[in-house]
């Protein structure tokens, strides 16, 4: 059989599908483990056992260690996914709602992100090699997301044209200060509502150019 015929044969195509399946299963297992780790960190704490994470994910301990050979690896994966999802949500929200509403909702999601970061803070601080690069990358992503949202909201006339993305990020960080105190999330969400009221454009102000 020629090489071309072999490539096109049902047997060869079937083998390719068989080879792809483990990769898809592996990705699903990885996501399940990250989901399980996030909830386990919230329920038990950052020192939850690797065995408990595997049990919650419904996989064997060997599967967990194949994806995340160390505790540092799964802690970092949880944090990176939270950052990635928050950054990507800016575009998603803009596709689903007016820019001002998208900005408001993104700031609420930021509070959820801080809640997760607080839960794994002690584990993050213990990462081998430190967290400088990790936090620097997160900072860039947050700044880019906030800049996009503020620019679109100002252009639409939903917020003041002089709103500064860096000011809003600093305000958000201030709202989440003391994240270990009871009721801090409800307080942060109330402050976000107040901030959004203060961002409403003054009558007669013109929207910024898009």
Protein backbone atom coordinates (compact mmCIF):
# COMPACT_ATOMS: atom_id res chain seq x y z
CA UNK A 1 0.00 0.00 0.00
CA UNK A 2 1.33 3.45 -0.86
CA UNK A 3 2.07 6.01 1.84
CA UNK A 4 -0.80 8.17 0.57
CA UNK A 5 -3.25 5.25 0.65
CA UNK A 6 -2.09 4.26 4.13
CA UNK A 7 -2.69 7.80 5.39
CA UNK A 8 -6.23 7.78 3.98
CA UNK A 9 -7.18 4.27 5.09
CA UNK A 10 -9.98 3.80 7.66
CA UNK A 11 -7.57 1.91 9.91
CA UNK A 12 -5.09 4.80 9.99
CA UNK A 13 -7.83 7.37 10.54
CA UNK A 14 -9.21 5.25 13.36
CA UNK A 15 -5.80 5.08 15.01
CA UNK A 16 -5.53 8.87 14.83
CA UNK A 17 -8.87 9.25 16.56
CA UNK A 18 -7.78 6.75 19.20
CA UNK A 19 -4.61 8.73 19.80
CA UNK A 20 -6.50 12.02 20.11
CA UNK A 21 -8.95 10.74 22.71
CA UNK A 22 -6.47 10.43 25.58
CA UNK A 23 -5.39 14.03 24.99
CA UNK A 24 -9.00 15.20 25.24
CA UNK A 25 -9.56 13.05 28.33
CA UNK A 26 -6.35 14.36 29.81
CA UNK A 27 -7.45 17.96 29.35
CA UNK A 28 -10.81 17.22 30.96
CA UNK A 29 -9.07 15.57 33.90
CA UNK A 30 -6.78 18.56 34.25
CA UNK A 31 -9.72 20.97 34.35
CA UNK A 32 -11.57 18.76 36.84
CA UNK A 33 -8.51 18.72 39.08
CA UNK A 34 -8.20 22.51 38.96
CA UNK A 35 -11.92 22.86 39.75
CA UNK A 36 -11.60 20.41 42.63
CA UNK A 37 -8.49 22.12 43.96
CA UNK A 38 -10.18 25.52 43.92
CA UNK A 39 -13.17 24.29 45.92
CA UNK A 40 -10.96 22.24 48.25
CA UNK A 41 -8.78 25.26 48.98
CA UNK A 42 -11.93 27.26 49.81
CA UNK A 43 -13.49 24.51 51.97
CA UNK A 44 -10.44 23.09 53.73
CA UNK A 45 -7.61 25.57 53.21
CA UNK A 46 -4.43 25.80 51.20
CA UNK A 47 -2.95 22.84 53.08
CA UNK A 48 -5.64 20.39 51.85
CA UNK A 49 -4.11 17.03 50.95
CA UNK A 50 -3.40 16.08 47.37
CA UNK A 51 -5.41 12.90 47.99
CA UNK A 52 -8.48 14.96 48.91
CA UNK A 53 -8.15 16.99 45.72
CA UNK A 54 -7.96 13.79 43.66
CA UNK A 55 -10.98 12.35 45.50
CA UNK A 56 -13.06 15.46 44.83
CA UNK A 57 -12.08 15.36 41.16
CA UNK A 58 -13.05 11.69 40.90
CA UNK A 59 -9.63 10.58 39.69
CA UNK A 60 -6.81 8.49 41.10
CA UNK A 61 -3.86 10.03 42.88
CA UNK A 62 -1.63 8.89 40.02
CA UNK A 63 -3.68 10.97 37.56
CA UNK A 64 -3.29 14.01 39.77
CA UNK A 65 0.48 13.62 39.98
CA UNK A 66 0.77 13.13 36.23
CA UNK A 67 -0.77 16.54 35.70
CA UNK A 68 0.56 18.27 38.81
CA UNK A 69 3.68 16.60 40.21
CA UNK A 70 3.88 19.02 43.15
CA UNK A 71 1.54 21.07 45.33
CA UNK A 72 3.16 24.20 43.90
CA UNK A 73 2.12 23.12 40.41
CA UNK A 74 -1.59 22.83 41.19
CA UNK A 75 -1.64 26.01 43.31
CA UNK A 76 -0.07 27.91 40.44
CA UNK A 77 -2.49 26.34 37.94
CA UNK A 78 -5.50 27.45 40.01
CA UNK A 79 -4.18 30.98 40.23
CA UNK A 80 -3.22 31.21 36.55
CA UNK A 81 -6.65 30.02 35.45
CA UNK A 82 -8.39 32.56 37.69
CA UNK A 83 -6.30 35.34 36.16
CA UNK A 84 -6.82 34.06 32.62
CA UNK A 85 -10.59 33.77 33.06
CA UNK A 86 -10.89 37.23 34.59
CA UNK A 87 -8.85 38.76 31.78
CA UNK A 88 -10.86 36.98 29.08
CA UNK A 89 -14.18 37.92 30.70
CA UNK A 90 -13.72 41.56 29.69
CA UNK A 91 -14.26 40.77 25.99
CA UNK A 92 -17.02 38.29 26.76
CA UNK A 93 -18.93 40.80 28.89
CA UNK A 94 -18.60 43.50 26.23
CA UNK A 95 -20.18 41.10 23.73
CA UNK A 96 -23.11 40.47 26.07
CA UNK A 97 -23.97 43.84 27.61
CA UNK A 98 -23.58 47.61 27.18
CA UNK A 99 -20.04 48.76 28.05
CA UNK A 100 -21.01 50.38 31.35
CA UNK A 101 -22.75 47.23 32.55
CA UNK A 102 -19.81 45.13 31.35
CA UNK A 103 -17.42 47.28 33.40
CA UNK A 104 -19.66 47.01 36.47
CA UNK A 105 -19.89 43.22 36.20
CA UNK A 106 -16.14 42.82 35.60
CA UNK A 107 -15.39 44.69 38.79
CA UNK A 108 -17.71 42.32 40.64
CA UNK A 109 -15.82 39.39 39.14
CA UNK A 110 -12.61 40.99 40.36
CA UNK A 111 -13.90 40.57 43.92
CA UNK A 112 -14.39 36.84 43.27
CA UNK A 113 -10.83 36.66 41.98
CA UNK A 114 -9.49 38.32 45.13
CA UNK A 115 -11.50 35.86 47.24
CA UNK A 116 -9.79 32.92 45.53
CA UNK A 117 -6.39 34.58 45.77
CA UNK A 118 -6.93 35.13 49.50
CA UNK A 119 -7.71 31.45 50.05
CA UNK A 120 -4.48 30.29 48.41
CA UNK A 121 -2.35 33.25 49.51
CA UNK A 122 -0.24 31.24 51.94
CA UNK A 123 0.41 28.53 49.35
CA UNK A 124 1.24 31.13 46.70
CA UNK A 125 3.72 32.83 49.00
CA UNK A 126 5.49 29.50 49.48
CA UNK A 127 5.95 28.80 45.75
CA UNK A 128 9.47 27.75 44.90
CA UNK A 129 11.08 30.54 42.89
CA UNK A 130 8.73 33.20 44.27
CA UNK A 131 5.72 34.91 42.75
CA UNK A 132 7.17 38.07 41.19
CA UNK A 133 6.82 36.91 37.58
CA UNK A 134 3.43 35.34 38.28
CA UNK A 135 1.99 38.49 39.81
CA UNK A 136 3.60 40.73 37.19
CA UNK A 137 1.89 38.81 34.38
CA UNK A 138 -1.41 38.99 36.27
CA UNK A 139 -1.00 42.74 36.71
CA UNK A 140 -0.52 43.27 32.97
CA UNK A 141 -3.62 41.22 32.18
CA UNK A 142 -5.76 43.12 34.71
CA UNK A 143 -4.57 46.46 33.42
CA UNK A 144 -5.29 45.51 29.82
CA UNK A 145 -8.79 44.28 30.70
CA UNK A 146 -9.65 47.37 32.73
CA UNK A 147 -8.27 49.69 30.03
CA UNK A 148 -10.44 48.04 27.38
CA UNK A 149 -13.58 48.24 29.50
CA UNK A 150 -13.04 51.85 30.54
CA UNK A 151 -12.26 52.95 26.99
CA UNK A 152 -15.41 51.29 25.63
CA UNK A 153 -17.63 52.56 28.47
CA UNK A 154 -16.34 56.13 28.10
CA UNK A 155 -16.79 56.03 24.32
CA UNK A 156 -20.39 54.87 24.79
CA UNK A 157 -21.10 57.69 27.25
CA UNK A 158 -21.76 55.22 30.08
CA UNK A 159 -19.08 56.69 32.35
CA UNK A 160 -17.19 59.96 32.69
CA UNK A 161 -14.76 60.61 29.84
CA UNK A 162 -11.94 61.36 32.30
CA UNK A 163 -12.16 57.98 34.06
CA UNK A 164 -8.69 56.49 34.43
CA UNK A 165 -8.27 52.67 34.36
CA UNK A 166 -5.36 52.79 36.80
CA UNK A 167 -7.41 54.83 39.26
CA UNK A 168 -10.21 52.28 39.08
CA UNK A 169 -7.84 49.37 39.65
CA UNK A 170 -6.39 51.10 42.69
CA UNK A 171 -9.90 51.69 43.97
CA UNK A 172 -10.77 48.01 43.51
CA UNK A 173 -7.67 46.93 45.40
CA UNK A 174 -8.63 49.33 48.17
CA UNK A 175 -12.15 47.90 48.32
CA UNK A 176 -10.72 44.41 48.85
CA UNK A 177 -8.30 45.49 51.58
CA UNK A 178 -8.88 43.45 54.72
CA UNK A 179 -10.11 40.46 52.73
CA UNK A 180 -9.81 38.29 55.84
CA UNK A 181 -12.53 40.18 57.68
CA UNK A 182 -16.09 38.78 57.85
CA UNK A 183 -18.40 40.33 55.29
CA UNK A 184 -15.61 41.92 53.26
CA UNK A 185 -17.02 40.70 49.93
CA UNK A 186 -20.46 42.23 50.52
CA UNK A 187 -18.77 45.48 51.54
CA UNK A 188 -16.58 45.47 48.41
CA UNK A 189 -19.61 44.92 46.16
CA UNK A 190 -21.46 47.82 47.80
CA UNK A 191 -18.46 50.07 47.27
CA UNK A 192 -18.33 49.07 43.60
CA UNK A 193 -21.97 50.13 43.22
CA UNK A 194 -21.13 53.49 44.80
CA UNK A 195 -18.11 53.88 42.52
CA UNK A 196 -20.20 53.19 39.43
CA UNK A 197 -22.70 55.84 40.54
CA UNK A 198 -19.81 58.30 40.85
CA UNK A 199 -18.60 57.41 37.35
CA UNK A 200 -21.84 58.48 35.70
CA UNK A 201 -21.15 61.25 33.18
CA UNK A 202 -21.95 64.83 34.08
CA UNK A 203 -24.80 66.23 31.95
CA UNK A 204 -23.35 67.96 28.90
CA UNK A 205 -20.07 66.02 28.87
CA UNK A 206 -19.24 64.48 25.54
CA UNK A 207 -18.15 60.84 25.24
CA UNK A 208 -14.51 60.22 24.38
CA UNK A 209 -13.61 59.22 20.86
CA UNK A 210 -13.57 55.45 20.35
